[in-house]
N, C-alpha and C. Protein backbone atom coordinates (compact mmCIF):
# COMPACT_ATOMS: atom_id res chain seq x y z
N ASP A 1 0.84 -1.17 0.00
CA ASP A 1 0.00 0.00 0.00
C ASP A 1 0.89 1.24 0.00
N SER A 2 0.73 2.09 -0.97
CA SER A 2 1.58 3.26 -1.11
C SER A 2 1.42 4.24 0.06
N GLU A 3 0.29 4.20 0.76
CA GLU A 3 0.09 5.07 1.93
C GLU A 3 1.09 4.79 3.05
N ASN A 4 1.51 3.55 3.15
CA ASN A 4 2.39 3.15 4.25
C ASN A 4 3.87 3.16 3.89
N ARG A 5 4.22 3.51 2.67
CA ARG A 5 5.62 3.54 2.27
C ARG A 5 6.33 4.75 2.87
N GLY A 6 7.63 4.54 3.17
CA GLY A 6 8.44 5.65 3.65
C GLY A 6 8.26 6.00 5.12
N LYS A 7 7.62 5.13 5.87
CA LYS A 7 7.37 5.40 7.29
C LYS A 7 8.28 4.60 8.21
N GLY A 8 9.21 3.83 7.64
CA GLY A 8 10.15 3.09 8.47
C GLY A 8 9.67 1.72 8.93
N ILE A 9 8.51 1.31 8.48
CA ILE A 9 7.96 0.02 8.90
C ILE A 9 8.82 -1.13 8.39
N GLY A 10 9.26 -1.05 7.15
CA GLY A 10 10.10 -2.10 6.58
C GLY A 10 11.44 -2.20 7.28
N SER A 11 12.04 -1.07 7.58
CA SER A 11 13.32 -1.06 8.31
C SER A 11 13.15 -1.66 9.69
N TYR A 12 12.11 -1.26 10.39
CA TYR A 12 11.86 -1.78 11.73
C TYR A 12 11.67 -3.30 11.70
N ALA A 13 10.83 -3.77 10.79
CA ALA A 13 10.57 -5.21 10.70
C ALA A 13 11.83 -5.99 10.34
N THR A 14 12.62 -5.45 9.43
CA THR A 14 13.86 -6.12 9.01
C THR A 14 14.84 -6.19 10.17
N ILE A 15 15.00 -5.12 10.90
CA ILE A 15 15.92 -5.10 12.04
C ILE A 15 15.47 -6.09 13.12
N GLU A 16 14.17 -6.17 13.38
CA GLU A 16 13.67 -7.12 14.37
C GLU A 16 13.91 -8.56 13.93
N MET A 17 13.73 -8.84 12.64
CA MET A 17 14.01 -10.19 12.14
C MET A 17 15.50 -10.52 12.24
N LEU A 18 16.34 -9.53 11.97
CA LEU A 18 17.79 -9.75 12.08
C LEU A 18 18.19 -10.00 13.53
N LYS A 19 17.60 -9.27 14.46
CA LYS A 19 17.87 -9.52 15.88
C LYS A 19 17.52 -10.96 16.24
N HIS A 20 16.36 -11.41 15.80
CA HIS A 20 15.94 -12.78 16.06
C HIS A 20 16.92 -13.78 15.45
N ALA A 21 17.32 -13.54 14.23
CA ALA A 21 18.23 -14.46 13.53
C ALA A 21 19.58 -14.54 14.22
N PHE A 22 20.12 -13.40 14.62
CA PHE A 22 21.45 -13.38 15.21
C PHE A 22 21.46 -13.80 16.68
N TYR A 23 20.43 -13.44 17.44
CA TYR A 23 20.45 -13.71 18.87
C TYR A 23 19.71 -14.99 19.26
N ASN A 24 18.55 -15.23 18.68
CA ASN A 24 17.79 -16.42 19.05
C ASN A 24 18.19 -17.65 18.26
N LEU A 25 18.51 -17.46 16.99
CA LEU A 25 18.90 -18.60 16.16
C LEU A 25 20.42 -18.77 16.11
N ASN A 26 21.14 -17.81 16.67
CA ASN A 26 22.60 -17.84 16.74
C ASN A 26 23.28 -17.94 15.37
N LEU A 27 22.71 -17.29 14.39
CA LEU A 27 23.33 -17.24 13.06
C LEU A 27 24.49 -16.25 13.09
N ASN A 28 25.49 -16.49 12.27
CA ASN A 28 26.63 -15.58 12.17
C ASN A 28 26.59 -14.76 10.89
N ARG A 29 25.88 -15.26 9.89
CA ARG A 29 25.87 -14.61 8.58
C ARG A 29 24.50 -14.82 7.93
N ILE A 30 24.01 -13.76 7.32
CA ILE A 30 22.77 -13.85 6.55
C ILE A 30 23.07 -13.31 5.16
N GLU A 31 22.68 -14.06 4.16
CA GLU A 31 22.88 -13.57 2.80
C GLU A 31 21.56 -13.63 2.05
N LEU A 32 21.49 -12.82 1.01
CA LEU A 32 20.27 -12.74 0.22
C LEU A 32 20.62 -12.38 -1.22
N SER A 33 19.66 -12.59 -2.08
CA SER A 33 19.78 -12.11 -3.45
C SER A 33 18.55 -11.26 -3.75
N VAL A 34 18.77 -10.20 -4.50
CA VAL A 34 17.71 -9.26 -4.81
C VAL A 34 17.89 -8.78 -6.25
N LEU A 35 16.79 -8.59 -6.94
CA LEU A 35 16.88 -8.10 -8.31
C LEU A 35 17.51 -6.71 -8.32
N GLU A 36 18.42 -6.50 -9.23
CA GLU A 36 19.12 -5.22 -9.33
C GLU A 36 18.13 -4.07 -9.54
N SER A 37 17.05 -4.33 -10.21
CA SER A 37 16.06 -3.28 -10.50
C SER A 37 15.19 -2.94 -9.29
N ASN A 38 15.25 -3.74 -8.24
CA ASN A 38 14.44 -3.50 -7.04
C ASN A 38 15.20 -2.54 -6.10
N THR A 39 15.26 -1.29 -6.51
CA THR A 39 16.07 -0.31 -5.79
C THR A 39 15.56 -0.04 -4.37
N ARG A 40 14.26 -0.12 -4.15
CA ARG A 40 13.73 0.08 -2.80
C ARG A 40 14.28 -0.97 -1.85
N ALA A 41 14.28 -2.22 -2.29
CA ALA A 41 14.79 -3.31 -1.45
C ALA A 41 16.29 -3.17 -1.24
N VAL A 42 17.02 -2.88 -2.31
CA VAL A 42 18.48 -2.73 -2.20
C VAL A 42 18.80 -1.62 -1.19
N ASN A 43 18.10 -0.51 -1.27
CA ASN A 43 18.33 0.61 -0.34
C ASN A 43 18.02 0.21 1.10
N LEU A 44 16.94 -0.53 1.30
CA LEU A 44 16.59 -0.99 2.63
C LEU A 44 17.67 -1.90 3.19
N TYR A 45 18.11 -2.87 2.40
CA TYR A 45 19.13 -3.80 2.86
C TYR A 45 20.44 -3.08 3.19
N GLU A 46 20.82 -2.12 2.36
CA GLU A 46 22.04 -1.34 2.66
C GLU A 46 21.85 -0.53 3.93
N LYS A 47 20.67 0.03 4.13
CA LYS A 47 20.39 0.85 5.30
C LYS A 47 20.56 0.05 6.59
N VAL A 48 20.16 -1.22 6.58
CA VAL A 48 20.27 -2.04 7.80
C VAL A 48 21.62 -2.75 7.91
N GLY A 49 22.52 -2.53 6.94
CA GLY A 49 23.88 -3.02 7.08
C GLY A 49 24.36 -4.06 6.09
N PHE A 50 23.49 -4.55 5.23
CA PHE A 50 23.94 -5.52 4.23
C PHE A 50 24.93 -4.87 3.28
N LYS A 51 25.90 -5.66 2.84
CA LYS A 51 26.89 -5.18 1.88
C LYS A 51 26.78 -6.00 0.60
N LYS A 52 26.99 -5.32 -0.51
CA LYS A 52 26.98 -6.01 -1.80
C LYS A 52 28.23 -6.86 -1.92
N GLU A 53 28.05 -8.12 -2.29
CA GLU A 53 29.18 -9.03 -2.46
C GLU A 53 29.38 -9.46 -3.90
N GLY A 54 28.37 -9.33 -4.70
CA GLY A 54 28.52 -9.77 -6.07
C GLY A 54 27.31 -9.45 -6.92
N LEU A 55 27.48 -9.69 -8.20
CA LEU A 55 26.42 -9.45 -9.17
C LEU A 55 26.33 -10.66 -10.09
N GLN A 56 25.16 -11.23 -10.16
CA GLN A 56 24.93 -12.35 -11.08
C GLN A 56 24.27 -11.77 -12.34
N ILE A 57 25.01 -11.82 -13.42
CA ILE A 57 24.56 -11.22 -14.67
C ILE A 57 23.48 -12.09 -15.32
N ARG A 58 22.37 -11.45 -15.66
CA ARG A 58 21.24 -12.11 -16.34
C ARG A 58 20.92 -13.48 -15.74
N SER A 59 20.75 -13.51 -14.43
CA SER A 59 20.55 -14.78 -13.72
C SER A 59 19.09 -15.14 -13.49
N THR A 60 18.20 -14.17 -13.62
CA THR A 60 16.79 -14.41 -13.33
C THR A 60 15.93 -13.97 -14.51
N TYR A 61 14.97 -14.81 -14.85
CA TYR A 61 14.06 -14.51 -15.95
C TYR A 61 12.82 -13.83 -15.39
N LYS A 62 12.56 -12.61 -15.82
CA LYS A 62 11.40 -11.87 -15.32
C LYS A 62 10.81 -11.01 -16.42
N ASN A 63 9.52 -11.11 -16.57
CA ASN A 63 8.78 -10.30 -17.56
C ASN A 63 9.38 -10.41 -18.96
N GLY A 64 9.75 -11.64 -19.34
CA GLY A 64 10.21 -11.87 -20.69
C GLY A 64 11.66 -11.56 -20.97
N GLU A 65 12.43 -11.27 -19.93
CA GLU A 65 13.85 -10.99 -20.15
C GLU A 65 14.68 -11.47 -18.95
N PHE A 66 15.96 -11.65 -19.18
CA PHE A 66 16.87 -12.02 -18.11
C PHE A 66 17.38 -10.75 -17.45
N VAL A 67 17.38 -10.74 -16.11
CA VAL A 67 17.80 -9.56 -15.36
C VAL A 67 18.90 -9.94 -14.36
N ASN A 68 19.63 -8.93 -13.90
CA ASN A 68 20.72 -9.15 -12.96
C ASN A 68 20.22 -9.30 -11.52
N THR A 69 20.97 -10.05 -10.74
CA THR A 69 20.68 -10.25 -9.32
C THR A 69 21.89 -9.83 -8.50
N ILE A 70 21.65 -9.07 -7.45
CA ILE A 70 22.71 -8.64 -6.54
C ILE A 70 22.75 -9.61 -5.36
N ILE A 71 23.94 -10.04 -4.99
CA ILE A 71 24.14 -10.87 -3.80
C ILE A 71 24.61 -9.95 -2.68
N MET A 72 23.93 -10.03 -1.52
CA MET A 72 24.27 -9.19 -0.38
C MET A 72 24.38 -10.06 0.86
N ALA A 73 25.16 -9.59 1.85
CA ALA A 73 25.31 -10.35 3.09
C ALA A 73 25.53 -9.41 4.26
N LEU A 74 25.22 -9.92 5.46
CA LEU A 74 25.41 -9.19 6.70
C LEU A 74 25.96 -10.15 7.74
N LEU A 75 27.03 -9.74 8.42
CA LEU A 75 27.61 -10.54 9.49
C LEU A 75 27.10 -10.04 10.84
N LYS A 76 27.00 -10.95 11.79
CA LYS A 76 26.50 -10.61 13.12
C LYS A 76 27.33 -9.49 13.75
N ASP A 77 28.66 -9.58 13.67
CA ASP A 77 29.52 -8.55 14.26
C ASP A 77 29.20 -7.15 13.71
N ASP A 78 28.99 -7.06 12.41
CA ASP A 78 28.66 -5.76 11.80
C ASP A 78 27.30 -5.26 12.28
N PHE A 79 26.34 -6.17 12.38
CA PHE A 79 25.01 -5.79 12.85
C PHE A 79 25.06 -5.30 14.29
N VAL A 80 25.76 -6.03 15.14
CA VAL A 80 25.87 -5.66 16.56
C VAL A 80 26.53 -4.29 16.68
N GLN A 81 27.57 -4.06 15.92
CA GLN A 81 28.29 -2.79 15.98
C GLN A 81 27.38 -1.61 15.61
N ASN A 82 26.50 -1.80 14.64
CA ASN A 82 25.66 -0.71 14.15
C ASN A 82 24.35 -0.54 14.93
N TYR A 83 23.81 -1.62 15.48
CA TYR A 83 22.46 -1.52 16.05
C TYR A 83 22.36 -1.79 17.54
N ILE A 84 23.36 -2.40 18.12
CA ILE A 84 23.25 -2.75 19.52
C ILE A 84 24.07 -1.81 20.40
N ASN A 85 25.19 -1.34 19.92
CA ASN A 85 26.05 -0.46 20.73
C ASN A 85 25.59 0.96 20.71
């Protein structure tokens, strides 16, 4: 819903999920892939600390064409440094 965009709800939910993953599930690393064209998602992931690690060229077929996928990851130490201290 466009009414709810830009209010920080996505950032809040993502940070809470990351806290659960790192503290309750004891994960050390979380990685994801996101379409290069999904700039809103890429910006959100960068905002919460994910770093770009690679680019998969024309790896996903969408809407009749092959598109690029960005690989991103976040380590527990980096998350703790930015959000817990």
